[in-house]
Amino acid sequence: MKLKLIGGSGCGNGPCPAVYETDNKTIVVQGFVVDPAQAGLDLPPGETAVEIPRYILEQALNAE
């Protein structure tokens, strides 16, 4: 799988939340892991939830 950054950028001191488009035309989101129980989520096996700043998603939505 090849990733193309479409939202977010390095924050100067290591990896940061980001949004990527794959060569399969799917989206990969890198963010901070959310505790499903604390958030009231019922996730099936193999899924997780991540949190990213809103501006990163807005950048991704406006990407060409």
PDB file of N, CA and C in Angstrom:
ATOM      1  N   MET A   1       0.845  -1.169   0.000  1.00  0.00           N
ATOM      2  CA  MET A   1       0.000   0.000   0.000  1.00  0.00           C
ATOM      3  C   MET A   1       0.893   1.236   0.000  1.00  0.00           C
ATOM      4  N   LYS A   2       0.586   2.169  -0.887  1.00  0.00           N
ATOM      5  CA  LYS A   2       1.329   3.429  -0.940  1.00  0.00           C
ATOM      6  C   LYS A   2       0.445   4.539  -0.409  1.00  0.00           C
ATOM      7  N   LEU A   3       1.031   5.405   0.413  1.00  0.00           N
ATOM      8  CA  LEU A   3       0.281   6.489   1.035  1.00  0.00           C
ATOM      9  C   LEU A   3       0.712   7.840   0.495  1.00  0.00           C
ATOM     10  N   LYS A   4      -0.267   8.732   0.318  1.00  0.00           N
ATOM     11  CA  LYS A   4      -0.010  10.113  -0.079  1.00  0.00           C
ATOM     12  C   LYS A   4      -0.629  11.009   0.989  1.00  0.00           C
ATOM     13  N   LEU A   5       0.199  11.842   1.626  1.00  0.00           N
ATOM     14  CA  LEU A   5      -0.282  12.754   2.656  1.00  0.00           C
ATOM     15  C   LEU A   5      -1.233  13.767   2.042  1.00  0.00           C
ATOM     16  N   ILE A   6      -2.458  13.883   2.596  1.00  0.00           N
ATOM     17  CA  ILE A   6      -3.413  14.868   2.088  1.00  0.00           C
ATOM     18  C   ILE A   6      -3.910  15.816   3.179  1.00  0.00           C
ATOM     19  N   GLY A   7      -3.508  15.595   4.427  1.00  0.00           N
ATOM     20  CA  GLY A   7      -3.901  16.484   5.513  1.00  0.00           C
ATOM     21  C   GLY A   7      -2.987  16.297   6.700  1.00  0.00           C
ATOM     22  N   GLY A   8      -2.553  17.406   7.296  1.00  0.00           N
ATOM     23  CA  GLY A   8      -1.637  17.333   8.424  1.00  0.00           C
ATOM     24  C   GLY A   8      -0.205  17.475   7.949  1.00  0.00           C
ATOM     25  N   SER A   9       0.678  17.620   8.888  1.00  0.00           N
ATOM     26  CA  SER A   9       2.098  17.739   8.566  1.00  0.00           C
ATOM     27  C   SER A   9       2.897  17.460   9.822  1.00  0.00           C
ATOM     28  N   GLY A  10       4.185  17.331   9.671  1.00  0.00           N
ATOM     29  CA  GLY A  10       5.040  17.114  10.840  1.00  0.00           C
ATOM     30  C   GLY A  10       4.923  18.276  11.814  1.00  0.00           C
ATOM     31  N   CYS A  11       4.960  17.967  13.089  1.00  0.00           N
ATOM     32  CA  CYS A  11       4.836  19.037  14.076  1.00  0.00           C
ATOM     33  C   CYS A  11       6.198  19.408  14.655  1.00  0.00           C
ATOM     34  N   GLY A  12       7.259  18.985  13.998  1.00  0.00           N
ATOM     35  CA  GLY A  12       8.590  19.409  14.406  1.00  0.00           C
ATOM     36  C   GLY A  12       9.282  18.504  15.408  1.00  0.00           C
ATOM     37  N   ASN A  13       8.515  17.696  16.136  1.00  0.00           N
ATOM     38  CA  ASN A  13       9.155  16.838  17.134  1.00  0.00           C
ATOM     39  C   ASN A  13       8.624  15.408  17.051  1.00  0.00           C
ATOM     40  N   GLY A  14       8.444  14.920  15.835  1.00  0.00           N
ATOM     41  CA  GLY A  14       8.011  13.543  15.652  1.00  0.00           C
ATOM     42  C   GLY A  14       6.710  13.455  14.885  1.00  0.00           C
ATOM     43  N   PRO A  15       6.199  12.237  14.712  1.00  0.00           N
ATOM     44  CA  PRO A  15       4.967  12.038  13.959  1.00  0.00           C
ATOM     45  C   PRO A  15       3.781  12.746  14.606  1.00  0.00           C
ATOM     46  N   CYS A  16       2.872  13.215  13.773  1.00  0.00           N
ATOM     47  CA  CYS A  16       1.676  13.920  14.232  1.00  0.00           C
ATOM     48  C   CYS A  16       0.458  13.334  13.536  1.00  0.00           C
ATOM     49  N   PRO A  17      -0.746  13.644  14.021  1.00  0.00           N
ATOM     50  CA  PRO A  17      -1.944  13.189  13.329  1.00  0.00           C
ATOM     51  C   PRO A  17      -1.923  13.629  11.866  1.00  0.00           C
ATOM     52  N   ALA A  18      -2.440  12.763  11.004  1.00  0.00           N
ATOM     53  CA  ALA A  18      -2.427  13.048   9.569  1.00  0.00           C
ATOM     54  C   ALA A  18      -3.490  12.213   8.874  1.00  0.00           C
ATOM     55  N   VAL A  19      -3.812  12.610   7.650  1.00  0.00           N
ATOM     56  CA  VAL A  19      -4.740  11.872   6.802  1.00  0.00           C
ATOM     57  C   VAL A  19      -4.017  11.564   5.496  1.00  0.00           C
ATOM     58  N   TYR A  20      -4.142  10.321   5.037  1.00  0.00           N
ATOM     59  CA  TYR A  20      -3.476   9.864   3.822  1.00  0.00           C
ATOM     60  C   TYR A  20      -4.500   9.259   2.873  1.00  0.00           C
ATOM     61  N   GLU A  21      -4.235   9.380   1.568  1.00  0.00           N
ATOM     62  CA  GLU A  21      -4.984   8.645   0.554  1.00  0.00           C
ATOM     63  C   GLU A  21      -4.084   7.504   0.106  1.00  0.00           C
ATOM     64  N   THR A  22      -4.677   6.323  -0.093  1.00  0.00           N
ATOM     65  CA  THR A  22      -3.893   5.178  -0.540  1.00  0.00           C
ATOM     66  C   THR A  22      -3.988   5.017  -2.048  1.00  0.00           C
ATOM     67  N   ASP A  23      -3.119   4.192  -2.589  1.00  0.00           N
ATOM     68  CA  ASP A  23      -3.186   3.889  -4.014  1.00  0.00           C
ATOM     69  C   ASP A  23      -4.415   3.046  -4.344  1.00  0.00           C
ATOM     70  N   ASN A  24      -5.129   2.560  -3.333  1.00  0.00           N
ATOM     71  CA  ASN A  24      -6.384   1.823  -3.520  1.00  0.00           C
ATOM     72  C   ASN A  24      -7.594   2.754  -3.439  1.00  0.00           C
ATOM     73  N   LYS A  25      -7.334   4.084  -3.347  1.00  0.00           N
ATOM     74  CA  LYS A  25      -8.388   5.096  -3.230  1.00  0.00           C
ATOM     75  C   LYS A  25      -9.184   4.969  -1.931  1.00  0.00           C
ATOM     76  N   THR A  26      -8.498   4.539  -0.861  1.00  0.00           N
ATOM     77  CA  THR A  26      -9.077   4.536   0.471  1.00  0.00           C
ATOM     78  C   THR A  26      -8.332   5.576   1.311  1.00  0.00           C
ATOM     79  N   ILE A  27      -8.799   5.804   2.526  1.00  0.00           N
ATOM     80  CA  ILE A  27      -8.217   6.807   3.411  1.00  0.00           C
ATOM     81  C   ILE A  27      -7.647   6.126   4.647  1.00  0.00           C
ATOM     82  N   VAL A  28      -6.463   6.564   5.065  1.00  0.00           N
ATOM     83  CA  VAL A  28      -5.840   6.109   6.303  1.00  0.00           C
ATOM     84  C   VAL A  28      -5.698   7.334   7.204  1.00  0.00           C
ATOM     85  N   VAL A  29      -6.140   7.198   8.468  1.00  0.00           N
ATOM     86  CA  VAL A  29      -6.060   8.294   9.427  1.00  0.00           C
ATOM     87  C   VAL A  29      -5.094   7.903  10.534  1.00  0.00           C
ATOM     88  N   GLN A  30      -4.127   8.761  10.785  1.00  0.00           N
ATOM     89  CA  GLN A  30      -3.165   8.575  11.876  1.00  0.00           C
ATOM     90  C   GLN A  30      -3.549   9.563  12.969  1.00  0.00           C
ATOM     91  N   GLY A  31      -3.776   9.063  14.166  1.00  0.00           N
ATOM     92  CA  GLY A  31      -4.166   9.959  15.241  1.00  0.00           C
ATOM     93  C   GLY A  31      -3.912   9.341  16.606  1.00  0.00           C
ATOM     94  N   PHE A  32      -4.476   9.991  17.600  1.00  0.00           N
ATOM     95  CA  PHE A  32      -4.337   9.534  18.972  1.00  0.00           C
ATOM     96  C   PHE A  32      -5.416   8.495  19.263  1.00  0.00           C
ATOM     97  N   VAL A  33      -5.017   7.344  19.822  1.00  0.00           N
ATOM     98  CA  VAL A  33      -5.954   6.255  20.092  1.00  0.00           C
ATOM     99  C   VAL A  33      -6.992   6.712  21.118  1.00  0.00           C
ATOM    100  N   VAL A  34      -8.261   6.406  20.803  1.00  0.00           N
ATOM    101  CA  VAL A  34      -9.377   6.721  21.684  1.00  0.00           C
ATOM    102  C   VAL A  34      -9.749   5.445  22.436  1.00  0.00           C
ATOM    103  N   ASP A  35      -9.973   5.558  23.737  1.00  0.00           N
ATOM    104  CA  ASP A  35     -10.444   4.424  24.534  1.00  0.00           C
ATOM    105  C   ASP A  35     -11.924   4.226  24.207  1.00  0.00           C
ATOM    106  N   PRO A  36     -12.282   3.127  23.515  1.00  0.00           N
ATOM    107  CA  PRO A  36     -13.672   2.935  23.103  1.00  0.00           C
ATOM    108  C   PRO A  36     -14.670   2.961  24.265  1.00  0.00           C
ATOM    109  N   ALA A  37     -14.319   2.338  25.384  1.00  0.00           N
ATOM    110  CA  ALA A  37     -15.232   2.305  26.525  1.00  0.00           C
ATOM    111  C   ALA A  37     -15.465   3.715  27.073  1.00  0.00           C
ATOM    112  N   GLN A  38     -14.404   4.491  27.165  1.00  0.00           N
ATOM    113  CA  GLN A  38     -14.517   5.850  27.691  1.00  0.00           C
ATOM    114  C   GLN A  38     -15.338   6.737  26.746  1.00  0.00           C
ATOM    115  N   ALA A  39     -15.253   6.481  25.449  1.00  0.00           N
ATOM    116  CA  ALA A  39     -15.984   7.277  24.463  1.00  0.00           C
ATOM    117  C   ALA A  39     -17.399   6.742  24.213  1.00  0.00           C
ATOM    118  N   GLY A  40     -17.727   5.599  24.791  1.00  0.00           N
ATOM    119  CA  GLY A  40     -19.047   5.016  24.585  1.00  0.00           C
ATOM    120  C   GLY A  40     -19.207   4.354  23.230  1.00  0.00           C
ATOM    121  N   LEU A  41     -18.099   3.862  22.663  1.00  0.00           N
ATOM    122  CA  LEU A  41     -18.135   3.200  21.362  1.00  0.00           C
ATOM    123  C   LEU A  41     -18.183   1.687  21.526  1.00  0.00           C
ATOM    124  N   ASP A  42     -18.864   1.024  20.614  1.00  0.00           N
ATOM    125  CA  ASP A  42     -18.909  -0.436  20.567  1.00  0.00           C
ATOM    126  C   ASP A  42     -18.276  -0.860  19.246  1.00  0.00           C
ATOM    127  N   LEU A  43     -16.954  -1.052  19.262  1.00  0.00           N
ATOM    128  CA  LEU A  43     -16.216  -1.349  18.042  1.00  0.00           C
ATOM    129  C   LEU A  43     -16.086  -2.851  17.825  1.00  0.00           C
ATOM    130  N   PRO A  44     -16.256  -3.299  16.580  1.00  0.00           N
ATOM    131  CA  PRO A  44     -16.061  -4.717  16.291  1.00  0.00           C
ATOM    132  C   PRO A  44     -14.570  -5.061  16.273  1.00  0.00           C
ATOM    133  N   PRO A  45     -14.244  -6.350  16.348  1.00  0.00           N
ATOM    134  CA  PRO A  45     -12.839  -6.765  16.290  1.00  0.00           C
ATOM    135  C   PRO A  45     -12.176  -6.230  15.021  1.00  0.00           C
ATOM    136  N   GLY A  46     -10.943  -5.787  15.155  1.00  0.00           N
ATOM    137  CA  GLY A  46     -10.175  -5.302  14.019  1.00  0.00           C
ATOM    138  C   GLY A  46     -10.325  -3.814  13.758  1.00  0.00           C
ATOM    139  N   GLU A  47     -11.209  -3.122  14.486  1.00  0.00           N
ATOM    140  CA  GLU A  47     -11.369  -1.687  14.307  1.00  0.00           C
ATOM    141  C   GLU A  47     -10.870  -0.946  15.540  1.00  0.00           C
ATOM    142  N   THR A  48     -10.465   0.302  15.325  1.00  0.00           N
ATOM    143  CA  THR A  48     -10.071   1.179  16.416  1.00  0.00           C
ATOM    144  C   THR A  48     -10.563   2.576  16.081  1.00  0.00           C
ATOM    145  N   ALA A  49     -10.557   3.446  17.039  1.00  0.00           N
ATOM    146  CA  ALA A  49     -10.943   4.841  16.823  1.00  0.00           C
ATOM    147  C   ALA A  49      -9.747   5.718  17.134  1.00  0.00           C
ATOM    148  N   VAL A  50      -9.557   6.764  16.327  1.00  0.00           N
ATOM    149  CA  VAL A  50      -8.491   7.720  16.563  1.00  0.00           C
ATOM    150  C   VAL A  50      -9.077   9.124  16.585  1.00  0.00           C
ATOM    151  N   GLU A  51      -8.378  10.018  17.246  1.00  0.00           N
ATOM    152  CA  GLU A  51      -8.785  11.411  17.343  1.00  0.00           C
ATOM    153  C   GLU A  51      -7.742  12.271  16.643  1.00  0.00           C
ATOM    154  N   ILE A  52      -8.215  13.198  15.806  1.00  0.00           N
ATOM    155  CA  ILE A  52      -7.327  14.130  15.116  1.00  0.00           C
ATOM    156  C   ILE A  52      -7.901  15.538  15.232  1.00  0.00           C
ATOM    157  N   PRO A  53      -7.064  16.555  15.140  1.00  0.00           N
ATOM    158  CA  PRO A  53      -7.577  17.918  15.140  1.00  0.00           C
ATOM    159  C   PRO A  53      -8.459  18.166  13.912  1.00  0.00           C
ATOM    160  N   ARG A  54      -9.507  18.942  14.093  1.00  0.00           N
ATOM    161  CA  ARG A  54     -10.458  19.229  13.012  1.00  0.00           C
ATOM    162  C   ARG A  54      -9.767  19.821  11.778  1.00  0.00           C
ATOM    163  N   TYR A  55      -8.789  20.711  11.986  1.00  0.00           N
ATOM    164  CA  TYR A  55      -8.154  21.374  10.843  1.00  0.00           C
ATOM    165  C   TYR A  55      -7.458  20.379   9.915  1.00  0.00           C
ATOM    166  N   ILE A  56      -6.996  19.251  10.440  1.00  0.00           N
ATOM    167  CA  ILE A  56      -6.333  18.251   9.600  1.00  0.00           C
ATOM    168  C   ILE A  56      -7.352  17.587   8.675  1.00  0.00           C
ATOM    169  N   LEU A  57      -8.518  17.282   9.194  1.00  0.00           N
ATOM    170  CA  LEU A  57      -9.563  16.710   8.348  1.00  0.00           C
ATOM    171  C   LEU A  57     -10.014  17.728   7.307  1.00  0.00           C
ATOM    172  N   GLU A  58     -10.108  18.993   7.680  1.00  0.00           N
ATOM    173  CA  GLU A  58     -10.472  20.035   6.720  1.00  0.00           C
ATOM    174  C   GLU A  58      -9.425  20.143   5.609  1.00  0.00           C
ATOM    175  N   GLN A  59      -8.141  20.036   5.956  1.00  0.00           N
ATOM    176  CA  GLN A  59      -7.079  20.047   4.934  1.00  0.00           C
ATOM    177  C   GLN A  59      -7.272  18.883   3.974  1.00  0.00           C
ATOM    178  N   ALA A  60      -7.561  17.709   4.518  1.00  0.00           N
ATOM    179  CA  ALA A  60      -7.727  16.509   3.691  1.00  0.00           C
ATOM    180  C   ALA A  60      -8.928  16.660   2.752  1.00  0.00           C
ATOM    181  N   LEU A  61     -10.011  17.229   3.247  1.00  0.00           N
ATOM    182  CA  LEU A  61     -11.205  17.396   2.420  1.00  0.00           C
ATOM    183  C   LEU A  61     -10.977  18.387   1.285  1.00  0.00           C
ATOM    184  N   ASN A  62     -10.063  19.335   1.491  1.00  0.00           N
ATOM    185  CA  ASN A  62      -9.769  20.344   0.472  1.00  0.00           C
ATOM    186  C   ASN A  62      -8.593  19.964  -0.426  1.00  0.00           C
ATOM    187  N   ALA A  63      -8.008  18.783  -0.203  1.00  0.00           N
ATOM    188  CA  ALA A  63      -6.853  18.354  -1.010  1.00  0.00           C
ATOM    189  C   ALA A  63      -7.288  18.051  -2.437  1.00  0.00           C
ATOM    190  N   GLU A  64      -6.388  18.297  -3.355  1.00  0.00           N
ATOM    191  CA  GLU A  64      -6.677  18.013  -4.776  1.00  0.00           C
ATOM    192  C   GLU A  64      -6.431  16.570  -5.081  1.00  0.00           C
TER     193      GLU A  64
END
